[in-house]
N, C-alpha and C. Protein backbone atom coordinates (compact mmCIF):
# COMPACT_ATOMS: atom_id res chain seq x y z
N MET A 1 0.82 -1.19 0.00
CA MET A 1 0.00 0.00 0.00
C MET A 1 0.87 1.26 0.00
N PHE A 2 1.92 1.26 0.80
CA PHE A 2 2.81 2.41 0.90
C PHE A 2 3.52 2.66 -0.43
N ILE A 3 3.94 1.62 -1.10
CA ILE A 3 4.62 1.75 -2.40
C ILE A 3 3.66 2.29 -3.45
N PHE A 4 2.40 1.87 -3.39
CA PHE A 4 1.39 2.36 -4.33
C PHE A 4 1.18 3.87 -4.16
N GLU A 5 1.13 4.37 -2.91
CA GLU A 5 0.96 5.80 -2.64
C GLU A 5 2.13 6.60 -3.19
N ILE A 6 3.34 6.11 -3.01
CA ILE A 6 4.52 6.80 -3.53
C ILE A 6 4.47 6.84 -5.05
N PHE A 7 4.10 5.72 -5.66
CA PHE A 7 3.99 5.64 -7.12
C PHE A 7 2.94 6.63 -7.64
N MET A 8 1.79 6.73 -6.98
CA MET A 8 0.73 7.64 -7.41
C MET A 8 1.16 9.11 -7.26
N LYS A 9 1.88 9.42 -6.18
CA LYS A 9 2.36 10.79 -6.00
C LYS A 9 3.33 11.17 -7.11
N LYS A 10 4.20 10.24 -7.50
CA LYS A 10 5.14 10.52 -8.58
C LYS A 10 4.39 10.74 -9.89
N ILE A 11 3.39 9.94 -10.14
CA ILE A 11 2.58 10.09 -11.38
C ILE A 11 1.90 11.45 -11.37
N ILE A 12 1.33 11.85 -10.23
CA ILE A 12 0.65 13.15 -10.14
C ILE A 12 1.65 14.29 -10.35
N TYR A 13 2.82 14.22 -9.73
CA TYR A 13 3.84 15.26 -9.90
C TYR A 13 4.27 15.37 -11.37
N ILE A 14 4.47 14.25 -12.02
CA ILE A 14 4.86 14.24 -13.43
C ILE A 14 3.76 14.87 -14.28
N PHE A 15 2.51 14.51 -14.00
CA PHE A 15 1.39 15.06 -14.76
C PHE A 15 1.30 16.58 -14.56
N VAL A 16 1.37 17.04 -13.31
CA VAL A 16 1.27 18.47 -13.02
C VAL A 16 2.42 19.23 -13.68
N PHE A 17 3.63 18.71 -13.59
CA PHE A 17 4.79 19.35 -14.20
C PHE A 17 4.63 19.44 -15.72
N THR A 18 4.23 18.35 -16.35
CA THR A 18 4.05 18.32 -17.81
C THR A 18 2.96 19.29 -18.25
N PHE A 19 1.83 19.26 -17.56
CA PHE A 19 0.72 20.14 -17.90
C PHE A 19 1.11 21.60 -17.73
N SER A 20 1.78 21.93 -16.63
CA SER A 20 2.21 23.32 -16.38
C SER A 20 3.19 23.79 -17.44
N THR A 21 4.12 22.95 -17.81
CA THR A 21 5.09 23.31 -18.84
C THR A 21 4.40 23.57 -20.17
N MET A 22 3.47 22.71 -20.54
CA MET A 22 2.75 22.90 -21.79
C MET A 22 1.93 24.19 -21.76
N LEU A 23 1.29 24.48 -20.64
CA LEU A 23 0.47 25.67 -20.52
C LEU A 23 1.31 26.94 -20.63
N ILE A 24 2.44 26.97 -19.96
CA ILE A 24 3.31 28.15 -19.99
C ILE A 24 3.88 28.38 -21.37
N THR A 25 4.35 27.35 -22.03
CA THR A 25 4.95 27.53 -23.36
C THR A 25 3.90 27.84 -24.42
N SER A 26 2.68 27.35 -24.27
CA SER A 26 1.66 27.62 -25.28
C SER A 26 1.17 29.06 -25.21
N CYS A 27 1.26 29.72 -24.07
CA CYS A 27 0.83 31.12 -23.95
C CYS A 27 1.69 32.04 -24.81
N ARG A 28 2.87 31.60 -25.16
CA ARG A 28 3.75 32.40 -26.00
C ARG A 28 3.17 32.59 -27.40
N PHE A 29 2.33 31.68 -27.84
CA PHE A 29 1.80 31.73 -29.20
C PHE A 29 0.39 32.29 -29.27
N TYR A 30 -0.21 32.54 -28.14
CA TYR A 30 -1.57 33.05 -28.13
C TYR A 30 -1.65 34.31 -27.30
N SER A 31 -2.35 35.27 -27.78
CA SER A 31 -2.56 36.50 -27.03
C SER A 31 -3.98 36.49 -26.50
N PHE A 32 -4.17 36.79 -25.23
CA PHE A 32 -5.50 36.79 -24.65
C PHE A 32 -6.35 37.93 -25.16
N THR A 33 -5.76 38.87 -25.85
CA THR A 33 -6.52 39.97 -26.44
C THR A 33 -7.09 39.57 -27.79
N GLY A 34 -6.75 38.42 -28.30
CA GLY A 34 -7.26 37.96 -29.57
C GLY A 34 -6.41 38.39 -30.74
N GLY A 35 -5.30 39.04 -30.48
CA GLY A 35 -4.43 39.52 -31.55
C GLY A 35 -3.49 38.44 -32.04
N ASP A 36 -3.25 38.44 -33.34
CA ASP A 36 -2.32 37.49 -33.93
C ASP A 36 -1.25 38.28 -34.66
N THR A 37 -0.03 38.26 -34.12
CA THR A 37 1.06 39.00 -34.74
C THR A 37 1.83 38.14 -35.73
N GLY A 38 1.45 36.87 -35.87
CA GLY A 38 2.11 35.99 -36.84
C GLY A 38 3.59 35.87 -36.58
N LYS A 39 4.39 36.04 -37.63
CA LYS A 39 5.85 35.93 -37.54
C LYS A 39 6.50 37.22 -37.04
N ALA A 40 5.72 38.27 -36.91
CA ALA A 40 6.26 39.59 -36.56
C ALA A 40 6.90 39.58 -35.17
N LYS A 41 8.03 40.24 -35.09
CA LYS A 41 8.74 40.38 -33.81
C LYS A 41 8.90 41.85 -33.42
N THR A 42 8.82 42.75 -34.43
CA THR A 42 9.03 44.17 -34.16
C THR A 42 7.84 45.01 -34.63
N LEU A 43 7.71 46.17 -34.01
CA LEU A 43 6.60 47.07 -34.27
C LEU A 43 7.16 48.48 -34.43
N GLN A 44 6.73 49.15 -35.48
CA GLN A 44 7.13 50.54 -35.72
C GLN A 44 5.88 51.39 -35.79
N ILE A 45 5.77 52.37 -34.89
CA ILE A 45 4.66 53.32 -34.92
C ILE A 45 5.27 54.70 -35.06
N ASP A 46 5.12 55.27 -36.25
CA ASP A 46 5.67 56.60 -36.53
C ASP A 46 4.83 57.68 -35.84
N PHE A 47 5.42 58.87 -35.69
CA PHE A 47 4.74 60.00 -35.08
C PHE A 47 3.58 60.43 -35.97
N PHE A 48 2.40 60.61 -35.38
CA PHE A 48 1.21 61.03 -36.11
C PHE A 48 1.11 62.55 -36.05
N ARG A 49 1.42 63.20 -37.16
CA ARG A 49 1.37 64.67 -37.23
C ARG A 49 -0.08 65.14 -37.26
N ASN A 50 -0.28 66.36 -36.78
CA ASN A 50 -1.62 66.95 -36.77
C ASN A 50 -1.78 67.82 -38.01
N ASN A 51 -2.51 67.31 -38.99
CA ASN A 51 -2.78 68.04 -40.23
C ASN A 51 -4.23 68.52 -40.29
N ALA A 52 -4.91 68.54 -39.16
CA ALA A 52 -6.31 68.98 -39.12
C ALA A 52 -6.37 70.49 -39.31
N PRO A 53 -7.48 70.99 -39.85
CA PRO A 53 -7.64 72.45 -40.00
C PRO A 53 -7.56 73.19 -38.66
N LEU A 54 -8.07 72.58 -37.59
CA LEU A 54 -8.00 73.15 -36.25
C LEU A 54 -7.02 72.29 -35.46
N ILE A 55 -5.97 72.89 -34.92
CA ILE A 55 -4.89 72.11 -34.29
C ILE A 55 -4.89 72.29 -32.78
N GLU A 56 -4.90 71.18 -32.07
CA GLU A 56 -4.69 71.16 -30.62
C GLU A 56 -3.25 70.70 -30.42
N PRO A 57 -2.37 71.53 -29.86
CA PRO A 57 -0.93 71.25 -29.81
C PRO A 57 -0.54 69.91 -29.17
N SER A 58 -1.22 69.48 -28.14
CA SER A 58 -0.79 68.27 -27.42
C SER A 58 -1.34 66.98 -28.01
N LEU A 59 -2.23 67.06 -28.98
CA LEU A 59 -2.92 65.87 -29.48
C LEU A 59 -1.98 64.89 -30.18
N SER A 60 -1.09 65.36 -31.04
CA SER A 60 -0.19 64.45 -31.77
C SER A 60 0.65 63.60 -30.82
N GLN A 61 1.26 64.25 -29.85
CA GLN A 61 2.12 63.54 -28.91
C GLN A 61 1.31 62.54 -28.08
N LYS A 62 0.16 62.97 -27.58
CA LYS A 62 -0.67 62.10 -26.74
C LYS A 62 -1.17 60.90 -27.53
N PHE A 63 -1.66 61.13 -28.75
CA PHE A 63 -2.16 60.03 -29.55
C PHE A 63 -1.04 59.02 -29.84
N THR A 64 0.09 59.50 -30.32
CA THR A 64 1.20 58.61 -30.68
C THR A 64 1.65 57.79 -29.48
N GLN A 65 1.80 58.42 -28.32
CA GLN A 65 2.26 57.70 -27.14
C GLN A 65 1.23 56.69 -26.65
N ASP A 66 -0.04 57.07 -26.61
CA ASP A 66 -1.09 56.13 -26.18
C ASP A 66 -1.22 54.96 -27.14
N PHE A 67 -1.04 55.22 -28.44
CA PHE A 67 -1.10 54.17 -29.46
C PHE A 67 0.03 53.16 -29.25
N ARG A 68 1.23 53.66 -29.02
CA ARG A 68 2.38 52.78 -28.76
C ARG A 68 2.15 51.97 -27.48
N ASP A 69 1.67 52.64 -26.43
CA ASP A 69 1.43 51.96 -25.15
C ASP A 69 0.43 50.82 -25.29
N LEU A 70 -0.64 51.04 -26.06
CA LEU A 70 -1.64 49.99 -26.25
C LEU A 70 -1.02 48.75 -26.88
N PHE A 71 -0.23 48.93 -27.93
CA PHE A 71 0.38 47.79 -28.60
C PHE A 71 1.41 47.09 -27.73
N LEU A 72 2.15 47.85 -26.95
CA LEU A 72 3.14 47.23 -26.07
C LEU A 72 2.46 46.45 -24.94
N ARG A 73 1.30 46.92 -24.48
CA ARG A 73 0.54 46.20 -23.45
C ARG A 73 -0.12 44.94 -23.98
N GLN A 74 -0.63 44.98 -25.20
CA GLN A 74 -1.45 43.89 -25.71
C GLN A 74 -0.72 42.92 -26.64
N THR A 75 0.54 43.18 -26.93
CA THR A 75 1.32 42.24 -27.74
C THR A 75 2.68 42.05 -27.10
N ASN A 76 3.44 41.11 -27.62
CA ASN A 76 4.81 40.91 -27.13
C ASN A 76 5.82 41.42 -28.15
N LEU A 77 5.42 42.38 -28.98
CA LEU A 77 6.29 42.94 -30.01
C LEU A 77 7.26 43.95 -29.41
N GLU A 78 8.42 44.06 -30.03
CA GLU A 78 9.43 45.04 -29.61
C GLU A 78 9.26 46.30 -30.45
N LEU A 79 9.19 47.45 -29.80
CA LEU A 79 9.03 48.73 -30.49
C LEU A 79 10.37 49.16 -31.06
N VAL A 80 10.41 49.45 -32.37
CA VAL A 80 11.63 49.91 -33.03
C VAL A 80 11.32 51.21 -33.77
N SER A 81 12.37 51.97 -34.10
CA SER A 81 12.16 53.25 -34.77
C SER A 81 12.18 53.14 -36.30
N SER A 82 12.68 52.02 -36.84
CA SER A 82 12.67 51.83 -38.29
C SER A 82 12.69 50.34 -38.62
N ASN A 83 12.27 50.02 -39.83
CA ASN A 83 12.26 48.64 -40.36
C ASN A 83 11.48 47.66 -39.49
N GLY A 84 10.34 48.08 -38.96
CA GLY A 84 9.50 47.20 -38.17
C GLY A 84 8.78 46.18 -39.03
N ASP A 85 8.55 44.99 -38.48
CA ASP A 85 7.78 43.97 -39.20
C ASP A 85 6.35 44.44 -39.41
N LEU A 86 5.79 45.11 -38.42
CA LEU A 86 4.48 45.75 -38.53
C LEU A 86 4.73 47.25 -38.40
N ARG A 87 4.17 48.04 -39.33
CA ARG A 87 4.44 49.47 -39.32
C ARG A 87 3.13 50.26 -39.43
N PHE A 88 3.02 51.27 -38.58
CA PHE A 88 1.87 52.18 -38.62
C PHE A 88 2.38 53.59 -38.86
N GLU A 89 1.70 54.28 -39.75
CA GLU A 89 1.98 55.69 -39.99
C GLU A 89 0.66 56.37 -40.31
N GLY A 90 0.65 57.67 -40.24
CA GLY A 90 -0.58 58.38 -40.55
C GLY A 90 -0.55 59.78 -40.01
N GLU A 91 -1.72 60.39 -39.96
CA GLU A 91 -1.84 61.76 -39.52
C GLU A 91 -3.23 62.01 -38.96
N ILE A 92 -3.30 63.03 -38.13
CA ILE A 92 -4.59 63.48 -37.60
C ILE A 92 -5.17 64.40 -38.67
N THR A 93 -6.32 64.04 -39.19
CA THR A 93 -6.90 64.79 -40.30
C THR A 93 -8.13 65.61 -39.90
N GLY A 94 -8.68 65.32 -38.73
CA GLY A 94 -9.87 66.05 -38.32
C GLY A 94 -9.89 66.31 -36.83
N TYR A 95 -10.22 67.54 -36.47
CA TYR A 95 -10.42 67.97 -35.09
C TYR A 95 -11.52 69.01 -35.18
N ARG A 96 -12.75 68.57 -34.83
CA ARG A 96 -13.90 69.44 -35.08
C ARG A 96 -14.79 69.52 -33.85
N ILE A 97 -15.23 70.71 -33.52
CA ILE A 97 -16.19 70.92 -32.43
C ILE A 97 -17.47 71.45 -33.06
N ALA A 98 -18.59 70.78 -32.75
CA ALA A 98 -19.87 71.18 -33.34
C ALA A 98 -20.97 71.07 -32.28
N PRO A 99 -21.97 71.97 -32.36
CA PRO A 99 -23.11 71.85 -31.43
C PRO A 99 -23.93 70.60 -31.77
N MET A 100 -24.43 69.93 -30.72
CA MET A 100 -25.16 68.68 -30.95
C MET A 100 -26.64 68.78 -30.64
N SER A 101 -27.00 69.45 -29.59
CA SER A 101 -28.42 69.57 -29.25
C SER A 101 -28.70 70.99 -28.79
N ALA A 102 -29.95 71.40 -28.97
CA ALA A 102 -30.32 72.78 -28.66
C ALA A 102 -31.24 72.83 -27.45
N THR A 103 -31.25 73.99 -26.80
CA THR A 103 -32.17 74.24 -25.69
C THR A 103 -33.41 74.93 -26.24
N ALA A 104 -34.38 75.21 -25.36
CA ALA A 104 -35.59 75.92 -25.78
C ALA A 104 -35.28 77.33 -26.24
N GLN A 105 -34.16 77.89 -25.76
CA GLN A 105 -33.76 79.24 -26.16
C GLN A 105 -32.92 79.22 -27.44
N GLN A 106 -32.87 78.11 -28.10
CA GLN A 106 -32.14 77.89 -29.35
C GLN A 106 -30.64 78.17 -29.20
N THR A 107 -30.09 77.74 -28.09
CA THR A 107 -28.64 77.76 -27.90
C THR A 107 -28.19 76.31 -27.73
N ALA A 108 -26.93 76.08 -27.91
CA ALA A 108 -26.42 74.71 -27.82
C ALA A 108 -26.45 74.23 -26.38
N ALA A 109 -26.98 73.03 -26.18
CA ALA A 109 -27.00 72.41 -24.85
C ALA A 109 -25.80 71.48 -24.70
N GLN A 110 -25.32 71.01 -25.84
CA GLN A 110 -24.22 70.04 -25.82
C GLN A 110 -23.37 70.23 -27.07
N ASN A 111 -22.05 70.10 -26.90
CA ASN A 111 -21.12 70.16 -28.02
C ASN A 111 -20.48 68.80 -28.22
N ARG A 112 -19.98 68.57 -29.40
CA ARG A 112 -19.31 67.31 -29.72
C ARG A 112 -17.93 67.58 -30.31
N LEU A 113 -16.90 66.98 -29.70
CA LEU A 113 -15.56 67.02 -30.26
C LEU A 113 -15.37 65.72 -31.04
N THR A 114 -15.02 65.83 -32.31
CA THR A 114 -14.79 64.67 -33.16
C THR A 114 -13.36 64.72 -33.67
N ILE A 115 -12.65 63.60 -33.51
CA ILE A 115 -11.27 63.50 -33.99
C ILE A 115 -11.20 62.38 -35.03
N THR A 116 -10.52 62.67 -36.13
CA THR A 116 -10.33 61.68 -37.20
C THR A 116 -8.85 61.46 -37.41
N ILE A 117 -8.45 60.20 -37.49
CA ILE A 117 -7.05 59.81 -37.70
C ILE A 117 -7.00 58.94 -38.96
N ASN A 118 -6.15 59.33 -39.90
CA ASN A 118 -5.92 58.50 -41.08
C ASN A 118 -4.72 57.59 -40.79
N VAL A 119 -4.90 56.28 -40.98
CA VAL A 119 -3.86 55.30 -40.62
C VAL A 119 -3.48 54.46 -41.84
N ARG A 120 -2.17 54.28 -42.00
CA ARG A 120 -1.64 53.34 -42.99
C ARG A 120 -0.91 52.23 -42.22
N TYR A 121 -1.29 50.99 -42.51
CA TYR A 121 -0.73 49.83 -41.81
C TYR A 121 -0.04 48.94 -42.83
N PHE A 122 1.17 48.51 -42.48
CA PHE A 122 1.96 47.64 -43.36
C PHE A 122 2.45 46.43 -42.57
N ASN A 123 2.24 45.25 -43.13
CA ASN A 123 2.72 44.00 -42.54
C ASN A 123 3.70 43.40 -43.54
N VAL A 124 4.99 43.32 -43.21
CA VAL A 124 5.99 42.84 -44.18
C VAL A 124 5.82 41.36 -44.50
N PHE A 125 5.13 40.62 -43.66
CA PHE A 125 4.95 39.19 -43.90
C PHE A 125 3.68 38.86 -44.67
N ASN A 126 2.72 39.79 -44.70
CA ASN A 126 1.45 39.50 -45.37
C ASN A 126 0.88 40.80 -45.96
N ASP A 127 1.14 41.02 -47.24
CA ASP A 127 0.69 42.25 -47.92
C ASP A 127 -0.83 42.39 -47.94
N THR A 128 -1.56 41.29 -47.86
CA THR A 128 -3.02 41.39 -47.91
C THR A 128 -3.59 42.04 -46.65
N ASP A 129 -2.82 42.10 -45.58
CA ASP A 129 -3.27 42.76 -44.34
C ASP A 129 -3.12 44.28 -44.40
N ASN A 130 -2.33 44.79 -45.32
CA ASN A 130 -2.06 46.22 -45.41
C ASN A 130 -3.34 47.00 -45.69
N PHE A 131 -3.44 48.20 -45.11
CA PHE A 131 -4.60 49.05 -45.38
C PHE A 131 -4.26 50.51 -45.12
N GLU A 132 -5.11 51.36 -45.67
CA GLU A 132 -5.12 52.78 -45.34
C GLU A 132 -6.57 53.17 -45.18
N LYS A 133 -6.91 53.67 -43.99
CA LYS A 133 -8.29 54.10 -43.76
C LYS A 133 -8.38 55.03 -42.56
N PRO A 134 -9.46 55.82 -42.54
CA PRO A 134 -9.65 56.74 -41.41
C PRO A 134 -10.37 56.06 -40.24
N PHE A 135 -10.03 56.50 -39.04
CA PHE A 135 -10.70 56.06 -37.82
C PHE A 135 -11.16 57.33 -37.11
N MET A 136 -12.40 57.29 -36.60
CA MET A 136 -12.98 58.49 -36.03
C MET A 136 -13.78 58.13 -34.78
N PHE A 137 -13.75 59.02 -33.80
CA PHE A 137 -14.62 58.90 -32.64
C PHE A 137 -14.87 60.29 -32.06
N TYR A 138 -15.82 60.39 -31.13
CA TYR A 138 -16.25 61.69 -30.62
C TYR A 138 -16.44 61.66 -29.11
N TYR A 139 -16.57 62.86 -28.55
CA TYR A 139 -16.86 63.02 -27.13
C TYR A 139 -17.83 64.18 -27.00
N ASP A 140 -18.96 63.94 -26.32
CA ASP A 140 -19.96 64.99 -26.08
C ASP A 140 -19.73 65.61 -24.70
N TYR A 141 -19.85 66.93 -24.64
CA TYR A 141 -19.67 67.64 -23.37
C TYR A 141 -20.66 68.80 -23.32
N PRO A 142 -21.00 69.24 -22.10
CA PRO A 142 -21.98 70.34 -21.96
C PRO A 142 -21.48 71.62 -22.63
N ALA A 143 -22.39 72.31 -23.26
CA ALA A 143 -22.03 73.54 -23.98
C ALA A 143 -21.58 74.65 -23.03
N ASN A 144 -21.99 74.57 -21.77
CA ASN A 144 -21.60 75.63 -20.84
C ASN A 144 -20.22 75.40 -20.23
N SER A 145 -19.53 74.32 -20.61
CA SER A 145 -18.16 74.11 -20.12
C SER A 145 -17.18 74.30 -21.28
N GLN A 146 -16.00 74.77 -20.92
CA GLN A 146 -14.95 74.99 -21.91
C GLN A 146 -14.19 73.69 -22.17
N LEU A 147 -13.73 73.51 -23.39
CA LEU A 147 -12.94 72.33 -23.74
C LEU A 147 -11.47 72.59 -23.39
N THR A 148 -11.22 72.68 -22.09
CA THR A 148 -9.86 72.90 -21.58
C THR A 148 -9.69 72.06 -20.31
N GLY A 149 -8.47 71.96 -19.85
CA GLY A 149 -8.18 71.29 -18.59
C GLY A 149 -8.71 69.88 -18.50
N GLY A 150 -9.47 69.61 -17.44
CA GLY A 150 -9.99 68.27 -17.19
C GLY A 150 -10.96 67.79 -18.24
N THR A 151 -11.77 68.69 -18.78
CA THR A 151 -12.73 68.31 -19.83
C THR A 151 -11.99 67.85 -21.07
N LEU A 152 -10.94 68.59 -21.45
CA LEU A 152 -10.14 68.22 -22.62
C LEU A 152 -9.42 66.89 -22.40
N GLU A 153 -8.84 66.71 -21.21
CA GLU A 153 -8.14 65.45 -20.90
C GLU A 153 -9.10 64.26 -20.97
N THR A 154 -10.28 64.42 -20.39
CA THR A 154 -11.29 63.34 -20.42
C THR A 154 -11.69 63.04 -21.85
N ALA A 155 -11.90 64.08 -22.65
CA ALA A 155 -12.27 63.90 -24.06
C ALA A 155 -11.18 63.15 -24.81
N PHE A 156 -9.94 63.60 -24.66
CA PHE A 156 -8.81 62.94 -25.33
C PHE A 156 -8.69 61.48 -24.90
N THR A 157 -8.79 61.23 -23.61
CA THR A 157 -8.65 59.86 -23.11
C THR A 157 -9.69 58.95 -23.73
N GLU A 158 -10.95 59.38 -23.73
CA GLU A 158 -12.03 58.55 -24.27
C GLU A 158 -11.89 58.35 -25.78
N ILE A 159 -11.63 59.42 -26.49
CA ILE A 159 -11.53 59.33 -27.96
C ILE A 159 -10.32 58.49 -28.37
N ILE A 160 -9.17 58.77 -27.80
CA ILE A 160 -7.94 58.06 -28.18
C ILE A 160 -8.03 56.58 -27.81
N GLU A 161 -8.60 56.29 -26.65
CA GLU A 161 -8.75 54.88 -26.25
C GLU A 161 -9.59 54.12 -27.27
N ARG A 162 -10.67 54.72 -27.72
CA ARG A 162 -11.56 54.06 -28.68
C ARG A 162 -10.90 53.92 -30.05
N ILE A 163 -10.25 54.99 -30.53
CA ILE A 163 -9.63 54.94 -31.86
C ILE A 163 -8.47 53.94 -31.88
N THR A 164 -7.62 53.97 -30.86
CA THR A 164 -6.47 53.04 -30.85
C THR A 164 -6.95 51.60 -30.77
N GLN A 165 -8.00 51.34 -29.99
CA GLN A 165 -8.52 49.97 -29.92
C GLN A 165 -9.13 49.55 -31.26
N ASP A 166 -9.79 50.47 -31.94
CA ASP A 166 -10.34 50.17 -33.28
C ASP A 166 -9.22 49.85 -34.27
N ILE A 167 -8.12 50.59 -34.20
CA ILE A 167 -6.98 50.33 -35.08
C ILE A 167 -6.37 48.97 -34.76
N PHE A 168 -6.22 48.67 -33.48
CA PHE A 168 -5.70 47.36 -33.05
C PHE A 168 -6.58 46.25 -33.60
N ASN A 169 -7.89 46.40 -33.45
CA ASN A 169 -8.83 45.38 -33.93
C ASN A 169 -8.77 45.21 -35.44
N ALA A 170 -8.60 46.30 -36.17
CA ALA A 170 -8.55 46.22 -37.64
C ALA A 170 -7.25 45.61 -38.14
N SER A 171 -6.16 45.82 -37.40
CA SER A 171 -4.85 45.37 -37.89
C SER A 171 -4.42 44.02 -37.31
N ILE A 172 -4.42 43.87 -36.02
CA ILE A 172 -3.92 42.66 -35.38
C ILE A 172 -5.03 41.65 -35.10
N ALA A 173 -6.14 42.11 -34.53
CA ALA A 173 -7.23 41.19 -34.19
C ALA A 173 -8.07 40.85 -35.41
N LYS A 174 -7.99 41.68 -36.44
CA LYS A 174 -8.72 41.48 -37.71
C LYS A 174 -10.24 41.34 -37.47
N TRP A 175 -10.79 42.26 -36.68
CA TRP A 175 -12.24 42.27 -36.43
C TRP A 175 -12.91 43.17 -37.41
């Protein structure tokens, strides 16, 4: 009986070790975000210049940095400054503020900030994945508040988070 218990413990240890090893090594090939980087090992995200008719000075830097951060968090790619296996480039083409709803006194009750980013994506391993297209999102805010300080930061955070995730889904997750 004692020998049988020792034998079973060894079998269980071997099984747990084998299963754990397989689980750890298989995670290297799958991303829990649903993204498939294929053979790619490097990522290049160029600076997104602001070519919109109305320019907000901090938008280019914030967008580019948040875009890079998203990819570094959700993939295991190495960020490089040139010759990336996956490459993103583009420009901010739209920054527009427009009234959205009116009050009884025919004044704006709510304004909408809309940002449009034109993106070009290149995959050196699969040309069929390449694309160029615009991505756009908006943020509504009360007309009686100024688009400065905390309101502007909140707007940028929400818009950039949505646009960068949409770009990730179109390029890596292929949604």
